[in-house]
């Protein structure tokens, strides 16, 4: 038994799901390698951005840029180089309003503020949990079914299976944080009055 913990392993398993030959490199001359090398990275990045995966979320203190924005905002900050998607920006643990322009975050914070962002980054394959890897393999297989096998019915079946596995993966991943307690005291007070 092997674990898929590299890009080649994951792409190969997606290919096997459609009955194609696995690959040993993205640069070989086979049709499978050509299709996998062209679809793999965008598929992974899209899958990582579909939810706030715990294994692919990080926090970083942003560096304030010396040049002020041209208009509407007081300050600009450089986003981390590995950022795929920003989920929140805070100052002193309080959410702030911001807008992203390219690889910069614009906001109206004074120079003394320390801006922290929560963001999705491109996790490495060896850090993907098995539930995400399996869902990703089916997502890739769905694309491969259209590009290599040219089988719409198979692609549709794999796409449905991928969606099911991705939902299960999101459910499992969401359990990796403290469960939020629902405050019901306000409702009880209102009900009794």
N, C-alpha and C. Protein backbone atom coordinates (compact mmCIF):
# COMPACT_ATOMS: atom_id res chain seq x y z
N UNK A 1 0.84 -1.18 0.00
CA UNK A 1 0.00 0.00 0.00
C UNK A 1 0.88 1.24 0.00
N UNK A 2 0.47 2.21 -0.79
CA UNK A 2 1.22 3.47 -0.84
C UNK A 2 0.29 4.63 -0.52
N UNK A 3 0.90 5.71 -0.08
CA UNK A 3 0.17 6.93 0.22
C UNK A 3 0.51 7.93 -0.87
N UNK A 4 -0.49 8.61 -1.39
CA UNK A 4 -0.25 9.64 -2.41
C UNK A 4 0.19 10.91 -1.71
N UNK A 5 1.50 11.17 -1.71
CA UNK A 5 2.00 12.35 -1.03
C UNK A 5 2.89 13.22 -1.92
N UNK A 6 2.68 13.12 -3.22
CA UNK A 6 3.38 14.00 -4.16
C UNK A 6 2.43 14.36 -5.29
N UNK A 7 2.77 15.39 -6.04
CA UNK A 7 1.93 15.79 -7.17
C UNK A 7 1.81 14.69 -8.21
N UNK A 8 2.89 13.97 -8.46
CA UNK A 8 2.87 12.88 -9.44
C UNK A 8 1.95 11.75 -8.96
N UNK A 9 2.05 11.39 -7.67
CA UNK A 9 1.18 10.33 -7.11
C UNK A 9 -0.29 10.69 -7.26
N UNK A 10 -0.64 11.92 -6.90
CA UNK A 10 -2.04 12.34 -6.93
C UNK A 10 -2.55 12.39 -8.37
N UNK A 11 -1.78 12.97 -9.27
CA UNK A 11 -2.18 13.01 -10.68
C UNK A 11 -2.30 11.60 -11.25
N UNK A 12 -1.37 10.73 -10.90
CA UNK A 12 -1.41 9.35 -11.40
C UNK A 12 -2.66 8.62 -10.94
N UNK A 13 -3.04 8.83 -9.71
CA UNK A 13 -4.26 8.18 -9.21
C UNK A 13 -5.51 8.71 -9.92
N UNK A 14 -5.50 10.01 -10.21
CA UNK A 14 -6.60 10.56 -11.00
C UNK A 14 -6.67 9.93 -12.38
N UNK A 15 -5.52 9.69 -12.97
CA UNK A 15 -5.45 9.05 -14.28
C UNK A 15 -5.92 7.59 -14.20
N UNK A 16 -5.51 6.90 -13.16
CA UNK A 16 -5.92 5.50 -12.98
C UNK A 16 -7.44 5.39 -12.85
N UNK A 17 -8.06 6.38 -12.21
CA UNK A 17 -9.51 6.35 -12.03
C UNK A 17 -10.26 6.37 -13.36
N UNK A 18 -9.65 6.90 -14.42
CA UNK A 18 -10.33 6.91 -15.73
C UNK A 18 -9.82 5.79 -16.63
N UNK A 19 -8.94 4.94 -16.08
CA UNK A 19 -8.42 3.83 -16.87
C UNK A 19 -7.22 4.19 -17.72
N UNK A 20 -6.61 5.34 -17.46
CA UNK A 20 -5.42 5.76 -18.20
C UNK A 20 -4.16 5.26 -17.50
N UNK A 21 -3.05 5.42 -18.16
CA UNK A 21 -1.77 5.00 -17.60
C UNK A 21 -1.28 6.03 -16.59
N UNK A 22 -0.73 5.57 -15.46
CA UNK A 22 -0.15 6.53 -14.51
C UNK A 22 1.11 7.16 -15.11
N UNK A 23 1.55 8.27 -14.54
CA UNK A 23 2.74 8.96 -15.04
C UNK A 23 3.85 8.89 -13.99
N UNK A 24 5.07 9.04 -14.45
CA UNK A 24 6.22 9.10 -13.55
C UNK A 24 6.83 10.49 -13.54
N UNK A 25 6.37 11.33 -14.47
CA UNK A 25 6.87 12.69 -14.57
C UNK A 25 5.87 13.54 -15.35
N UNK A 26 5.80 14.83 -15.02
CA UNK A 26 4.94 15.73 -15.78
C UNK A 26 5.56 16.08 -17.13
N UNK A 27 6.83 15.80 -17.30
CA UNK A 27 7.51 16.22 -18.53
C UNK A 27 7.69 15.11 -19.56
N UNK A 28 7.10 13.94 -19.32
CA UNK A 28 7.23 12.87 -20.33
C UNK A 28 6.38 13.21 -21.56
N UNK A 29 6.54 12.43 -22.62
CA UNK A 29 5.88 12.72 -23.90
C UNK A 29 4.47 12.16 -24.02
N UNK A 30 3.96 11.53 -22.98
CA UNK A 30 2.64 10.90 -23.08
C UNK A 30 1.52 11.95 -23.02
N UNK A 31 0.37 11.57 -23.56
CA UNK A 31 -0.81 12.42 -23.49
C UNK A 31 -1.21 12.65 -22.04
N UNK A 32 -1.11 11.59 -21.23
CA UNK A 32 -1.46 11.69 -19.81
C UNK A 32 -0.61 12.75 -19.11
N UNK A 33 0.69 12.74 -19.36
CA UNK A 33 1.58 13.72 -18.73
C UNK A 33 1.29 15.13 -19.22
N UNK A 34 1.00 15.27 -20.49
CA UNK A 34 0.69 16.60 -21.05
C UNK A 34 -0.56 17.17 -20.41
N UNK A 35 -1.61 16.37 -20.32
CA UNK A 35 -2.87 16.84 -19.73
C UNK A 35 -2.68 17.10 -18.24
N UNK A 36 -2.05 16.16 -17.53
CA UNK A 36 -1.86 16.32 -16.08
C UNK A 36 -1.03 17.55 -15.75
N UNK A 37 0.04 17.78 -16.50
CA UNK A 37 0.90 18.93 -16.21
C UNK A 37 0.17 20.25 -16.46
N UNK A 38 -0.75 20.26 -17.39
CA UNK A 38 -1.48 21.50 -17.70
C UNK A 38 -2.67 21.75 -16.77
N UNK A 39 -3.23 20.71 -16.17
CA UNK A 39 -4.41 20.87 -15.33
C UNK A 39 -4.13 20.80 -13.83
N UNK A 40 -3.04 20.17 -13.45
CA UNK A 40 -2.82 19.85 -12.04
C UNK A 40 -2.79 21.08 -11.12
N UNK A 41 -1.90 22.01 -11.35
CA UNK A 41 -1.69 23.10 -10.39
C UNK A 41 -2.92 23.99 -10.23
N UNK A 42 -3.58 24.34 -11.33
CA UNK A 42 -4.79 25.17 -11.21
C UNK A 42 -5.90 24.43 -10.47
N UNK A 43 -6.00 23.12 -10.68
CA UNK A 43 -7.01 22.32 -9.99
C UNK A 43 -6.74 22.30 -8.50
N UNK A 44 -5.47 22.12 -8.12
CA UNK A 44 -5.11 22.09 -6.69
C UNK A 44 -5.40 23.44 -6.05
N UNK A 45 -4.97 24.52 -6.68
CA UNK A 45 -5.17 25.85 -6.10
C UNK A 45 -6.66 26.18 -5.96
N UNK A 46 -7.45 25.78 -6.95
CA UNK A 46 -8.90 26.00 -6.86
C UNK A 46 -9.50 25.20 -5.71
N UNK A 47 -9.09 23.95 -5.58
CA UNK A 47 -9.60 23.10 -4.49
C UNK A 47 -9.21 23.67 -3.13
N UNK A 48 -8.02 24.22 -3.01
CA UNK A 48 -7.59 24.80 -1.74
C UNK A 48 -8.38 26.05 -1.38
N UNK A 49 -8.89 26.74 -2.40
CA UNK A 49 -9.63 27.98 -2.15
C UNK A 49 -11.13 27.76 -1.94
N UNK A 50 -11.61 26.54 -2.06
CA UNK A 50 -13.04 26.29 -1.93
C UNK A 50 -13.56 26.41 -0.50
N UNK A 51 -12.66 26.31 0.47
CA UNK A 51 -13.05 26.45 1.87
C UNK A 51 -11.82 26.83 2.67
N UNK A 52 -12.01 27.14 3.94
CA UNK A 52 -10.87 27.46 4.81
C UNK A 52 -10.33 26.17 5.40
N UNK A 53 -9.56 25.45 4.59
CA UNK A 53 -8.97 24.20 5.06
C UNK A 53 -8.01 24.51 6.20
N UNK A 54 -8.12 23.79 7.29
CA UNK A 54 -7.24 23.98 8.45
C UNK A 54 -5.78 23.72 8.07
N UNK A 55 -5.52 22.72 7.24
CA UNK A 55 -4.15 22.36 6.89
C UNK A 55 -3.50 23.36 5.94
N UNK A 56 -4.28 24.27 5.39
CA UNK A 56 -3.77 25.21 4.39
C UNK A 56 -4.10 26.65 4.76
N UNK A 57 -4.28 26.91 6.06
CA UNK A 57 -4.59 28.25 6.54
C UNK A 57 -3.46 28.72 7.44
N UNK A 58 -3.11 29.98 7.32
CA UNK A 58 -2.04 30.53 8.11
C UNK A 58 -2.38 31.95 8.53
N UNK A 59 -1.61 32.50 9.44
CA UNK A 59 -1.71 33.90 9.83
C UNK A 59 -0.36 34.56 9.58
N UNK A 60 -0.39 35.84 9.26
CA UNK A 60 0.85 36.58 9.07
C UNK A 60 0.65 38.04 9.41
N UNK A 61 1.70 38.64 9.96
CA UNK A 61 1.71 40.07 10.19
C UNK A 61 2.17 40.72 8.89
N UNK A 62 1.40 41.68 8.40
CA UNK A 62 1.72 42.31 7.11
C UNK A 62 2.70 43.46 7.28
N UNK A 63 3.50 43.65 6.24
CA UNK A 63 4.43 44.78 6.18
C UNK A 63 3.74 45.96 5.51
N UNK A 64 3.76 47.09 6.22
CA UNK A 64 3.16 48.31 5.67
C UNK A 64 4.10 48.87 4.60
N UNK A 65 3.53 49.26 3.46
CA UNK A 65 4.32 49.83 2.38
C UNK A 65 4.50 51.33 2.62
N UNK A 66 5.64 51.85 2.23
CA UNK A 66 5.90 53.28 2.46
C UNK A 66 5.06 54.17 1.55
N UNK A 67 4.81 53.72 0.33
CA UNK A 67 3.99 54.51 -0.61
C UNK A 67 2.52 54.37 -0.25
N UNK A 68 1.86 55.51 -0.07
CA UNK A 68 0.43 55.50 0.24
C UNK A 68 -0.37 55.21 -1.03
N UNK A 69 -1.55 54.60 -0.90
CA UNK A 69 -2.40 54.36 -2.07
C UNK A 69 -2.80 55.67 -2.75
N UNK A 70 -3.16 55.58 -4.01
CA UNK A 70 -3.52 56.76 -4.80
C UNK A 70 -4.79 57.43 -4.28
N UNK A 71 -5.73 56.67 -3.79
CA UNK A 71 -6.98 57.26 -3.32
C UNK A 71 -7.79 56.30 -2.49
N UNK A 72 -8.76 56.82 -1.77
CA UNK A 72 -9.74 56.09 -0.97
C UNK A 72 -9.20 55.36 0.25
N UNK A 73 -7.91 55.07 0.32
CA UNK A 73 -7.36 54.34 1.46
C UNK A 73 -6.13 55.06 2.00
N UNK A 74 -5.90 54.89 3.31
CA UNK A 74 -4.76 55.54 3.96
C UNK A 74 -3.48 54.72 3.90
N UNK A 75 -3.62 53.40 3.81
CA UNK A 75 -2.42 52.57 3.89
C UNK A 75 -2.52 51.34 3.00
N UNK A 76 -1.34 50.84 2.64
CA UNK A 76 -1.24 49.62 1.82
C UNK A 76 -0.26 48.67 2.50
N UNK A 77 -0.58 47.39 2.44
CA UNK A 77 0.25 46.36 3.04
C UNK A 77 0.53 45.27 2.01
N UNK A 78 1.72 44.70 2.07
CA UNK A 78 2.11 43.63 1.17
C UNK A 78 1.57 42.30 1.70
N UNK A 79 0.85 41.56 0.86
CA UNK A 79 0.35 40.24 1.26
C UNK A 79 1.50 39.23 1.24
N UNK A 80 1.40 38.15 2.00
CA UNK A 80 2.43 37.11 1.96
C UNK A 80 2.55 36.54 0.54
N UNK A 81 3.75 36.19 0.14
CA UNK A 81 4.01 35.68 -1.21
C UNK A 81 3.25 34.39 -1.50
N UNK A 82 2.98 33.60 -0.46
CA UNK A 82 2.29 32.31 -0.67
C UNK A 82 0.78 32.40 -0.51
N UNK A 83 0.23 33.60 -0.42
CA UNK A 83 -1.21 33.77 -0.22
C UNK A 83 -2.00 33.46 -1.49
N UNK A 84 -3.00 32.59 -1.34
CA UNK A 84 -3.94 32.30 -2.42
C UNK A 84 -5.25 33.05 -2.23
N UNK A 85 -5.67 33.23 -0.96
CA UNK A 85 -6.93 33.89 -0.66
C UNK A 85 -6.89 34.41 0.78
N UNK A 86 -7.30 35.66 0.95
CA UNK A 86 -7.35 36.26 2.29
C UNK A 86 -8.76 36.06 2.85
N UNK A 87 -8.81 35.62 4.12
CA UNK A 87 -10.10 35.38 4.76
C UNK A 87 -10.48 36.47 5.75
N UNK A 88 -9.49 37.07 6.38
CA UNK A 88 -9.78 38.11 7.38
C UNK A 88 -8.54 38.94 7.61
N UNK A 89 -8.77 40.19 7.99
CA UNK A 89 -7.69 41.08 8.42
C UNK A 89 -8.10 41.66 9.76
N UNK A 90 -7.18 41.67 10.71
CA UNK A 90 -7.49 42.16 12.05
C UNK A 90 -6.41 43.10 12.56
N UNK A 91 -6.82 43.97 13.45
CA UNK A 91 -5.91 44.81 14.24
C UNK A 91 -6.35 44.62 15.68
N UNK A 92 -5.44 44.21 16.52
CA UNK A 92 -5.75 43.93 17.94
C UNK A 92 -6.94 42.98 18.07
N UNK A 93 -6.95 41.94 17.27
CA UNK A 93 -7.99 40.90 17.26
C UNK A 93 -9.37 41.40 16.84
N UNK A 94 -9.46 42.58 16.31
CA UNK A 94 -10.73 43.12 15.81
C UNK A 94 -10.69 43.14 14.29
N UNK A 95 -11.77 42.65 13.66
CA UNK A 95 -11.83 42.67 12.20
C UNK A 95 -11.80 44.10 11.68
N UNK A 96 -11.10 44.31 10.59
CA UNK A 96 -11.06 45.63 9.96
C UNK A 96 -11.59 45.52 8.54
N UNK A 97 -12.01 46.65 7.99
CA UNK A 97 -12.43 46.69 6.60
C UNK A 97 -11.20 46.82 5.73
N UNK A 98 -11.20 46.08 4.64
CA UNK A 98 -10.06 46.10 3.72
C UNK A 98 -10.53 45.77 2.32
N UNK A 99 -9.66 46.06 1.35
CA UNK A 99 -9.88 45.68 -0.04
C UNK A 99 -8.55 45.19 -0.58
N UNK A 100 -8.60 44.17 -1.41
CA UNK A 100 -7.38 43.65 -2.03
C UNK A 100 -7.24 44.21 -3.44
N UNK A 101 -6.03 44.64 -3.75
CA UNK A 101 -5.67 45.04 -5.11
C UNK A 101 -4.41 44.27 -5.45
N UNK A 102 -4.53 43.30 -6.35
CA UNK A 102 -3.37 42.48 -6.69
C UNK A 102 -2.84 41.78 -5.46
N UNK A 103 -1.55 41.99 -5.17
CA UNK A 103 -0.92 41.35 -4.02
C UNK A 103 -0.79 42.30 -2.83
N UNK A 104 -1.69 43.28 -2.75
CA UNK A 104 -1.65 44.25 -1.67
C UNK A 104 -3.01 44.37 -0.99
N UNK A 105 -2.98 44.65 0.31
CA UNK A 105 -4.19 44.89 1.09
C UNK A 105 -4.24 46.38 1.40
N UNK A 106 -5.37 47.00 1.08
CA UNK A 106 -5.57 48.42 1.34
C UNK A 106 -6.59 48.57 2.46
N UNK A 107 -6.30 49.50 3.38
CA UNK A 107 -7.21 49.75 4.50
C UNK A 107 -6.97 51.17 5.02
N UNK A 108 -7.72 51.55 6.02
CA UNK A 108 -7.60 52.87 6.63
C UNK A 108 -7.11 52.75 8.07
N UNK A 109 -5.96 52.16 8.24
CA UNK A 109 -5.39 51.97 9.58
C UNK A 109 -4.22 52.92 9.79
N UNK A 110 -4.07 53.45 11.01
CA UNK A 110 -2.94 54.34 11.29
C UNK A 110 -1.60 53.59 11.23
N UNK A 111 -0.52 54.33 11.14
CA UNK A 111 0.82 53.73 11.01
C UNK A 111 1.20 52.88 12.20
N UNK A 112 0.57 53.11 13.34
CA UNK A 112 0.90 52.35 14.56
C UNK A 112 0.21 50.98 14.60
N UNK A 113 -0.72 50.73 13.68
CA UNK A 113 -1.47 49.47 13.69
C UNK A 113 -0.63 48.30 13.18
N UNK A 114 -0.85 47.16 13.80
CA UNK A 114 -0.26 45.91 13.33
C UNK A 114 -1.38 45.10 12.69
N UNK A 115 -1.30 44.94 11.37
CA UNK A 115 -2.35 44.24 10.63
C UNK A 115 -1.95 42.77 10.47
N UNK A 116 -2.86 41.90 10.89
CA UNK A 116 -2.67 40.45 10.80
C UNK A 116 -3.72 39.91 9.83
N UNK A 117 -3.31 39.01 8.92
CA UNK A 117 -4.28 38.38 8.02
C UNK A 117 -4.32 36.87 8.26
N UNK A 118 -5.52 36.32 8.10
CA UNK A 118 -5.73 34.88 8.00
C UNK A 118 -5.86 34.61 6.52
N UNK A 119 -5.12 33.64 6.02
CA UNK A 119 -5.14 33.40 4.58
C UNK A 119 -4.91 31.93 4.24
N UNK A 120 -5.33 31.57 3.04
CA UNK A 120 -5.07 30.24 2.51
C UNK A 120 -3.76 30.30 1.74
N UNK A 121 -2.91 29.31 1.98
CA UNK A 121 -1.65 29.20 1.25
C UNK A 121 -1.60 27.89 0.49
N UNK A 122 -0.66 27.77 -0.43
CA UNK A 122 -0.50 26.55 -1.23
C UNK A 122 0.26 25.53 -0.39
N UNK A 123 -0.50 24.67 0.30
CA UNK A 123 0.11 23.62 1.11
C UNK A 123 0.81 22.62 0.20
N UNK A 124 1.80 21.96 0.74
CA UNK A 124 2.53 20.93 -0.01
C UNK A 124 1.76 19.61 0.06
N UNK A 125 1.88 18.82 -0.96
CA UNK A 125 1.13 17.56 -1.06
C UNK A 125 1.34 16.64 0.13
N UNK A 126 2.54 16.59 0.66
CA UNK A 126 2.79 15.70 1.81
C UNK A 126 2.03 16.14 3.05
N UNK A 127 1.52 17.37 3.04
CA UNK A 127 0.72 17.86 4.17
C UNK A 127 -0.78 17.78 3.93
N UNK A 128 -1.19 17.31 2.75
CA UNK A 128 -2.62 17.14 2.49
C UNK A 128 -3.14 15.98 3.34
N UNK A 129 -4.24 16.16 4.07
CA UNK A 129 -4.84 15.02 4.75
C UNK A 129 -5.44 14.06 3.72
N UNK A 130 -5.57 12.82 4.08
CA UNK A 130 -6.05 11.80 3.13
C UNK A 130 -7.43 12.13 2.58
N UNK A 131 -8.31 12.72 3.40
CA UNK A 131 -9.65 13.04 2.92
C UNK A 131 -9.62 14.10 1.81
N UNK A 132 -8.68 15.03 1.87
CA UNK A 132 -8.55 16.03 0.82
C UNK A 132 -7.90 15.42 -0.41
N UNK A 133 -6.89 14.61 -0.22
CA UNK A 133 -6.20 13.97 -1.34
C UNK A 133 -7.16 13.14 -2.17
N UNK A 134 -8.00 12.35 -1.52
CA UNK A 134 -8.95 11.51 -2.24
C UNK A 134 -9.94 12.36 -3.04
N UNK A 135 -10.46 13.41 -2.43
CA UNK A 135 -11.39 14.29 -3.14
C UNK A 135 -10.70 14.95 -4.33
N UNK A 136 -9.45 15.36 -4.15
CA UNK A 136 -8.67 15.98 -5.23
C UNK A 136 -8.43 14.99 -6.37
N UNK A 137 -8.16 13.75 -6.05
CA UNK A 137 -7.95 12.74 -7.08
C UNK A 137 -9.19 12.59 -7.96
N UNK A 138 -10.36 12.58 -7.35
CA UNK A 138 -11.59 12.48 -8.12
C UNK A 138 -11.87 13.75 -8.92
N UNK A 139 -11.51 14.91 -8.37
CA UNK A 139 -11.67 16.17 -9.10
C UNK A 139 -10.79 16.15 -10.36
N UNK A 140 -9.56 15.72 -10.20
CA UNK A 140 -8.65 15.61 -11.35
C UNK A 140 -9.18 14.58 -12.35
N UNK A 141 -9.65 13.45 -11.84
CA UNK A 141 -10.17 12.39 -12.73
C UNK A 141 -11.31 12.90 -13.58
N UNK A 142 -12.16 13.73 -13.02
CA UNK A 142 -13.27 14.30 -13.78
C UNK A 142 -12.75 15.12 -14.96
N UNK A 143 -11.74 15.94 -14.72
CA UNK A 143 -11.14 16.72 -15.81
C UNK A 143 -10.43 15.83 -16.81
N UNK A 144 -9.72 14.82 -16.30
CA UNK A 144 -9.00 13.90 -17.18
C UNK A 144 -9.95 13.10 -18.05
N UNK A 145 -11.13 12.77 -17.51
CA UNK A 145 -12.11 11.99 -18.28
C UNK A 145 -12.54 12.75 -19.53
N UNK A 146 -12.66 14.06 -19.42
CA UNK A 146 -13.03 14.85 -20.60
C UNK A 146 -11.84 15.03 -21.54
N UNK A 147 -10.67 15.30 -20.99
CA UNK A 147 -9.50 15.61 -21.81
C UNK A 147 -8.85 14.39 -22.43
N UNK A 148 -8.84 13.27 -21.74
CA UNK A 148 -8.14 12.08 -22.24
C UNK A 148 -9.11 11.04 -22.77
N UNK A 149 -10.07 10.64 -21.93
CA UNK A 149 -11.00 9.58 -22.31
C UNK A 149 -12.12 10.10 -23.21
N UNK A 150 -12.34 11.41 -23.18
CA UNK A 150 -13.42 12.04 -23.96
C UNK A 150 -14.76 11.35 -23.69
N UNK A 151 -15.00 11.10 -22.39
CA UNK A 151 -16.19 10.39 -21.97
C UNK A 151 -17.00 11.28 -21.03
N UNK A 152 -18.03 11.94 -21.58
CA UNK A 152 -18.85 12.87 -20.79
C UNK A 152 -19.57 12.18 -19.64
N UNK A 153 -20.05 10.99 -19.88
CA UNK A 153 -20.79 10.26 -18.85
C UNK A 153 -19.86 9.93 -17.67
N UNK A 154 -18.66 9.45 -17.97
CA UNK A 154 -17.69 9.15 -16.92
C UNK A 154 -17.29 10.43 -16.20
N UNK A 155 -17.08 11.51 -16.94
CA UNK A 155 -16.72 12.80 -16.33
C UNK A 155 -17.81 13.26 -15.36
N UNK A 156 -19.07 13.12 -15.76
CA UNK A 156 -20.18 13.52 -14.89
C UNK A 156 -20.24 12.68 -13.63
N UNK A 157 -20.04 11.37 -13.77
CA UNK A 157 -20.04 10.47 -12.61
C UNK A 157 -18.91 10.84 -11.66
N UNK A 158 -17.72 11.07 -12.20
CA UNK A 158 -16.57 11.43 -11.37
C UNK A 158 -16.75 12.81 -10.72
N UNK A 159 -17.38 13.72 -11.43
CA UNK A 159 -17.64 15.05 -10.88
C UNK A 159 -18.59 14.98 -9.68
N UNK A 160 -19.62 14.14 -9.79
CA UNK A 160 -20.55 13.97 -8.66
C UNK A 160 -19.85 13.32 -7.47
N UNK A 161 -19.03 12.32 -7.75
CA UNK A 161 -18.28 11.65 -6.67
C UNK A 161 -17.30 12.64 -6.04
N UNK A 162 -16.67 13.46 -6.85
CA UNK A 162 -15.74 14.47 -6.36
C UNK A 162 -16.45 15.45 -5.44
N UNK A 163 -17.63 15.92 -5.84
CA UNK A 163 -18.40 16.87 -5.02
C UNK A 163 -18.78 16.23 -3.68
N UNK A 164 -19.17 14.96 -3.71
CA UNK A 164 -19.53 14.25 -2.49
C UNK A 164 -18.31 14.12 -1.56
N UNK A 165 -17.18 13.72 -2.12
CA UNK A 165 -15.97 13.56 -1.32
C UNK A 165 -15.46 14.91 -0.80
N UNK A 166 -15.59 15.95 -1.60
CA UNK A 166 -15.15 17.28 -1.17
C UNK A 166 -16.02 17.77 -0.01
N UNK A 167 -17.32 17.49 -0.05
CA UNK A 167 -18.21 17.87 1.06
C UNK A 167 -17.84 17.11 2.32
N UNK A 168 -17.56 15.82 2.19
CA UNK A 168 -17.14 15.03 3.35
C UNK A 168 -15.82 15.56 3.90
N UNK A 169 -14.91 15.93 3.02
CA UNK A 169 -13.62 16.47 3.45
C UNK A 169 -13.80 17.78 4.20
N UNK A 170 -14.70 18.64 3.72
CA UNK A 170 -14.97 19.91 4.41
C UNK A 170 -15.53 19.67 5.80
N UNK A 171 -16.42 18.68 5.91
CA UNK A 171 -17.01 18.35 7.21
C UNK A 171 -15.93 17.86 8.17
N UNK A 172 -15.08 16.96 7.71
CA UNK A 172 -14.01 16.44 8.56
C UNK A 172 -13.04 17.55 8.96
N UNK A 173 -12.67 18.38 8.00
CA UNK A 173 -11.70 19.44 8.26
C UNK A 173 -12.24 20.47 9.24
N UNK A 174 -13.54 20.75 9.18
CA UNK A 174 -14.14 21.75 10.05
C UNK A 174 -14.14 21.33 11.51
N UNK A 175 -13.92 20.05 11.78
CA UNK A 175 -13.92 19.55 13.15
C UNK A 175 -12.59 19.79 13.86
N UNK A 176 -11.65 20.41 13.18
CA UNK A 176 -10.32 20.59 13.75
C UNK A 176 -10.15 21.96 14.41
N UNK A 177 -11.18 22.41 15.05
CA UNK A 177 -11.12 23.66 15.81
C UNK A 177 -12.12 23.55 16.95
N UNK A 178 -12.02 24.45 17.89
CA UNK A 178 -12.94 24.44 19.02
C UNK A 178 -14.36 24.67 18.53
N UNK A 179 -15.27 23.83 18.98
CA UNK A 179 -16.67 23.98 18.60
C UNK A 179 -17.22 25.23 19.26
N UNK A 180 -17.89 26.03 18.47
CA UNK A 180 -18.48 27.25 19.01
C UNK A 180 -19.78 26.92 19.72
N UNK A 181 -19.91 27.48 20.92
CA UNK A 181 -21.09 27.23 21.73
C UNK A 181 -22.16 28.26 21.36
N UNK A 182 -23.35 27.79 21.13
CA UNK A 182 -24.48 28.67 20.82
C UNK A 182 -24.98 29.29 22.12
N UNK A 183 -24.99 30.61 22.17
CA UNK A 183 -25.48 31.31 23.35
C UNK A 183 -26.99 31.43 23.25
N UNK A 184 -27.67 30.81 24.19
CA UNK A 184 -29.14 30.78 24.15
C UNK A 184 -29.76 31.64 25.24
N UNK A 185 -28.95 32.22 26.10
CA UNK A 185 -29.51 32.96 27.25
C UNK A 185 -30.41 34.11 26.80
N UNK A 186 -30.03 34.82 25.73
CA UNK A 186 -30.86 35.92 25.24
C UNK A 186 -32.23 35.43 24.81
N UNK A 187 -32.26 34.28 24.16
CA UNK A 187 -33.53 33.71 23.70
C UNK A 187 -34.41 33.28 24.86
N UNK A 188 -33.77 32.73 25.90
CA UNK A 188 -34.52 32.29 27.08
C UNK A 188 -35.11 33.49 27.80
N UNK A 189 -34.34 34.55 27.95
CA UNK A 189 -34.83 35.76 28.61
C UNK A 189 -36.00 36.35 27.85
N UNK A 190 -35.87 36.43 26.54
CA UNK A 190 -36.96 36.98 25.70
C UNK A 190 -38.22 36.12 25.80
N UNK A 191 -38.03 34.84 25.84
CA UNK A 191 -39.16 33.92 25.88
C UNK A 191 -39.92 34.04 27.20
N UNK A 192 -39.20 34.26 28.29
CA UNK A 192 -39.81 34.33 29.62
C UNK A 192 -40.45 35.69 29.89
N UNK A 193 -40.11 36.70 29.12
CA UNK A 193 -40.68 38.04 29.39
C UNK A 193 -42.02 38.24 28.76
